[in-house]
Amino acid sequence: MKKQEDPLWDEPKANFLGYSFFKLEPLVYLMNNLITTSIISPNGDQVGSLTVDVIPVNEDETEFEEVPDSPDELIGFPLNYKVYIKNATNLPENFCSNSYVEYTCFHDSNVINKTRPVHSFI
């Protein structure tokens, strides 16, 4: 029987695992910031870890070759960056397939960015 004809079949829905926070402060020095941060469930339990790298880039989406002496030198210039989700570890077993990350930035919390699903974590 096709899914569309099966009265008991429902479209799979995303399950929320938890929150992880990342501070963007090193970006003002135009430096990468690779960090592993805990994933915290809504009830306060650690439910895994997320390794993230945020890389500042210029308008051409290439990394900066020089860093400023002071973050004040960047005032008035747009700051672009790429977010790389490097790894997720210690996830609960039922979250180890088709997992993805949604993230927002405080300066533009109306925009939700979403990574591609990862089919399995080992």
C-alpha atoms as a PDB file:
ATOM      1  CA  MET A   1       0.000   0.000   0.000  1.00  0.00           C
ATOM      2  CA  LYS A   2       1.300   3.458  -0.849  1.00  0.00           C
ATOM      3  CA  LYS A   3       1.875   5.924   1.974  1.00  0.00           C
ATOM      4  CA  GLN A   4      -0.756   8.250   0.578  1.00  0.00           C
ATOM      5  CA  GLU A   5      -3.367   5.470   0.677  1.00  0.00           C
ATOM      6  CA  ASP A   6      -2.470   4.186   4.165  1.00  0.00           C
ATOM      7  CA  PRO A   7      -4.896   5.677   6.723  1.00  0.00           C
ATOM      8  CA  LEU A   8      -2.447   4.953   9.568  1.00  0.00           C
ATOM      9  CA  TRP A   9       0.582   6.663   7.990  1.00  0.00           C
ATOM     10  CA  ASP A  10       1.546  10.122   9.216  1.00  0.00           C
ATOM     11  CA  GLU A  11       4.233  12.430   7.896  1.00  0.00           C
ATOM     12  CA  PRO A  12       7.268  12.206  10.226  1.00  0.00           C
ATOM     13  CA  LYS A  13       7.649  15.290  12.403  1.00  0.00           C
ATOM     14  CA  ALA A  14      10.807  16.747  13.852  1.00  0.00           C
ATOM     15  CA  ASN A  15      11.558  16.142  17.526  1.00  0.00           C
ATOM     16  CA  PHE A  16      13.242  18.836  19.540  1.00  0.00           C
ATOM     17  CA  LEU A  17      16.400  17.625  21.291  1.00  0.00           C
ATOM     18  CA  GLY A  18      17.644  20.755  23.033  1.00  0.00           C
ATOM     19  CA  TYR A  19      19.486  24.068  22.930  1.00  0.00           C
ATOM     20  CA  SER A  20      23.134  24.880  22.476  1.00  0.00           C
ATOM     21  CA  PHE A  21      24.588  28.371  22.666  1.00  0.00           C
ATOM     22  CA  PHE A  22      27.564  29.799  20.853  1.00  0.00           C
ATOM     23  CA  LYS A  23      29.171  33.164  21.552  1.00  0.00           C
ATOM     24  CA  LEU A  24      30.130  35.159  18.455  1.00  0.00           C
ATOM     25  CA  GLU A  25      32.591  37.461  20.256  1.00  0.00           C
ATOM     26  CA  PRO A  26      35.767  36.077  18.541  1.00  0.00           C
ATOM     27  CA  LEU A  27      34.337  37.172  15.187  1.00  0.00           C
ATOM     28  CA  VAL A  28      35.218  40.800  16.000  1.00  0.00           C
ATOM     29  CA  TYR A  29      38.872  39.738  15.682  1.00  0.00           C
ATOM     30  CA  LEU A  30      38.097  37.959  12.361  1.00  0.00           C
ATOM     31  CA  MET A  31      39.193  34.626  13.833  1.00  0.00           C
ATOM     32  CA  ASN A  32      37.629  31.188  13.535  1.00  0.00           C
ATOM     33  CA  ASN A  33      36.072  29.880  16.699  1.00  0.00           C
ATOM     34  CA  LEU A  34      35.929  26.086  16.806  1.00  0.00           C
ATOM     35  CA  ILE A  35      34.136  24.983  19.963  1.00  0.00           C
ATOM     36  CA  THR A  36      32.357  21.965  21.381  1.00  0.00           C
ATOM     37  CA  THR A  37      29.273  22.965  23.317  1.00  0.00           C
ATOM     38  CA  SER A  38      26.723  20.957  25.273  1.00  0.00           C
ATOM     39  CA  ILE A  39      23.220  20.346  23.991  1.00  0.00           C
ATOM     40  CA  ILE A  40      20.828  21.019  26.869  1.00  0.00           C
ATOM     41  CA  SER A  41      17.292  19.614  26.870  1.00  0.00           C
ATOM     42  CA  PRO A  42      14.318  21.799  27.863  1.00  0.00           C
ATOM     43  CA  ASN A  43      14.359  20.200  31.322  1.00  0.00           C
ATOM     44  CA  GLY A  44      18.060  20.974  31.849  1.00  0.00           C
ATOM     45  CA  ASP A  45      19.749  17.639  31.111  1.00  0.00           C
ATOM     46  CA  GLN A  46      22.799  17.375  28.869  1.00  0.00           C
ATOM     47  CA  VAL A  47      21.725  15.281  25.884  1.00  0.00           C
ATOM     48  CA  GLY A  48      24.825  15.451  23.701  1.00  0.00           C
ATOM     49  CA  SER A  49      27.519  17.735  22.378  1.00  0.00           C
ATOM     50  CA  LEU A  50      27.811  19.809  19.242  1.00  0.00           C
ATOM     51  CA  THR A  51      31.101  20.843  17.625  1.00  0.00           C
ATOM     52  CA  VAL A  52      30.688  24.072  15.683  1.00  0.00           C
ATOM     53  CA  ASP A  53      33.072  26.331  13.777  1.00  0.00           C
ATOM     54  CA  VAL A  54      32.074  29.868  12.849  1.00  0.00           C
ATOM     55  CA  ILE A  55      34.352  31.386  10.224  1.00  0.00           C
ATOM     56  CA  PRO A  56      34.285  35.105   9.374  1.00  0.00           C
ATOM     57  CA  VAL A  57      34.350  35.808   5.640  1.00  0.00           C
ATOM     58  CA  ASN A  58      34.405  38.893   3.424  1.00  0.00           C
ATOM     59  CA  GLU A  59      31.873  39.733   0.693  1.00  0.00           C
ATOM     60  CA  ASP A  60      33.570  37.192  -1.630  1.00  0.00           C
ATOM     61  CA  GLU A  61      33.007  34.493   1.025  1.00  0.00           C
ATOM     62  CA  THR A  62      36.751  34.015   1.484  1.00  0.00           C
ATOM     63  CA  GLU A  63      38.497  34.127   4.834  1.00  0.00           C
ATOM     64  CA  PHE A  64      40.261  37.294   5.905  1.00  0.00           C
ATOM     65  CA  GLU A  65      44.044  37.328   5.514  1.00  0.00           C
ATOM     66  CA  GLU A  66      44.703  40.054   8.093  1.00  0.00           C
ATOM     67  CA  VAL A  67      43.141  40.614  11.496  1.00  0.00           C
ATOM     68  CA  PRO A  68      42.488  44.082  12.918  1.00  0.00           C
ATOM     69  CA  ASP A  69      44.464  45.441  15.853  1.00  0.00           C
ATOM     70  CA  SER A  70      41.195  46.511  17.438  1.00  0.00           C
ATOM     71  CA  PRO A  71      37.570  45.482  16.866  1.00  0.00           C
ATOM     72  CA  ASP A  72      36.793  49.216  16.574  1.00  0.00           C
ATOM     73  CA  GLU A  73      38.361  49.102  13.095  1.00  0.00           C
ATOM     74  CA  LEU A  74      35.380  47.033  11.919  1.00  0.00           C
ATOM     75  CA  ILE A  75      32.716  49.557  12.927  1.00  0.00           C
ATOM     76  CA  GLY A  76      30.571  50.360   9.912  1.00  0.00           C
ATOM     77  CA  PHE A  77      31.647  47.287   7.920  1.00  0.00           C
ATOM     78  CA  PRO A  78      29.363  44.276   7.366  1.00  0.00           C
ATOM     79  CA  LEU A  79      30.537  41.075   9.021  1.00  0.00           C
ATOM     80  CA  ASN A  80      29.653  37.855   7.226  1.00  0.00           C
ATOM     81  CA  TYR A  81      30.357  34.368   8.488  1.00  0.00           C
ATOM     82  CA  LYS A  82      29.841  30.711   7.706  1.00  0.00           C
ATOM     83  CA  VAL A  83      28.603  28.226  10.270  1.00  0.00           C
ATOM     84  CA  TYR A  84      29.982  24.691  10.070  1.00  0.00           C
ATOM     85  CA  ILE A  85      28.461  21.942  12.176  1.00  0.00           C
ATOM     86  CA  LYS A  86      31.465  19.628  12.472  1.00  0.00           C
ATOM     87  CA  ASN A  87      30.145  16.886  14.731  1.00  0.00           C
ATOM     88  CA  ALA A  88      27.406  15.838  17.138  1.00  0.00           C
ATOM     89  CA  THR A  89      28.236  13.280  19.801  1.00  0.00           C
ATOM     90  CA  ASN A  90      26.519  11.409  22.630  1.00  0.00           C
ATOM     91  CA  LEU A  91      23.071  11.916  21.141  1.00  0.00           C
ATOM     92  CA  PRO A  92      20.245   9.695  22.377  1.00  0.00           C
ATOM     93  CA  GLU A  93      19.874   6.622  20.194  1.00  0.00           C
ATOM     94  CA  ASN A  94      16.525   7.725  18.742  1.00  0.00           C
ATOM     95  CA  PHE A  95      18.130  10.983  17.489  1.00  0.00           C
ATOM     96  CA  CYS A  96      20.931   9.373  15.511  1.00  0.00           C
ATOM     97  CA  SER A  97      19.376   9.510  12.060  1.00  0.00           C
ATOM     98  CA  ASN A  98      18.100  12.384   9.951  1.00  0.00           C
ATOM     99  CA  SER A  99      19.271  14.869  12.582  1.00  0.00           C
ATOM    100  CA  TYR A 100      19.765  18.523  11.690  1.00  0.00           C
ATOM    101  CA  VAL A 101      20.518  21.811  13.392  1.00  0.00           C
ATOM    102  CA  GLU A 102      18.374  24.922  13.299  1.00  0.00           C
ATOM    103  CA  TYR A 103      19.976  28.145  14.437  1.00  0.00           C
ATOM    104  CA  THR A 104      19.237  31.827  14.744  1.00  0.00           C
ATOM    105  CA  CYS A 105      21.324  34.850  15.615  1.00  0.00           C
ATOM    106  CA  PHE A 106      20.325  37.370  18.260  1.00  0.00           C
ATOM    107  CA  HIS A 107      20.631  40.264  15.816  1.00  0.00           C
ATOM    108  CA  ASP A 108      18.179  38.616  13.381  1.00  0.00           C
ATOM    109  CA  SER A 109      16.126  36.140  15.396  1.00  0.00           C
ATOM    110  CA  ASN A 110      13.357  36.092  12.754  1.00  0.00           C
ATOM    111  CA  VAL A 111      15.565  34.151  10.322  1.00  0.00           C
ATOM    112  CA  ILE A 112      15.889  30.431  11.074  1.00  0.00           C
ATOM    113  CA  ASN A 113      18.818  28.721   9.364  1.00  0.00           C
ATOM    114  CA  LYS A 114      18.717  24.945   8.950  1.00  0.00           C
ATOM    115  CA  THR A 115      21.441  22.464   8.041  1.00  0.00           C
ATOM    116  CA  ARG A 116      20.908  19.476   5.803  1.00  0.00           C
ATOM    117  CA  PRO A 117      19.869  16.311   7.668  1.00  0.00           C
ATOM    118  CA  VAL A 118      22.622  13.889   8.561  1.00  0.00           C
ATOM    119  CA  HIS A 119      21.395  10.382   7.885  1.00  0.00           C
ATOM    120  CA  SER A 120      23.293   8.691  10.676  1.00  0.00           C
ATOM    121  CA  PHE A 121      25.759   9.372  13.458  1.00  0.00           C
ATOM    122  CA  ILE A 122      28.098   6.620  14.533  1.00  0.00           C
END
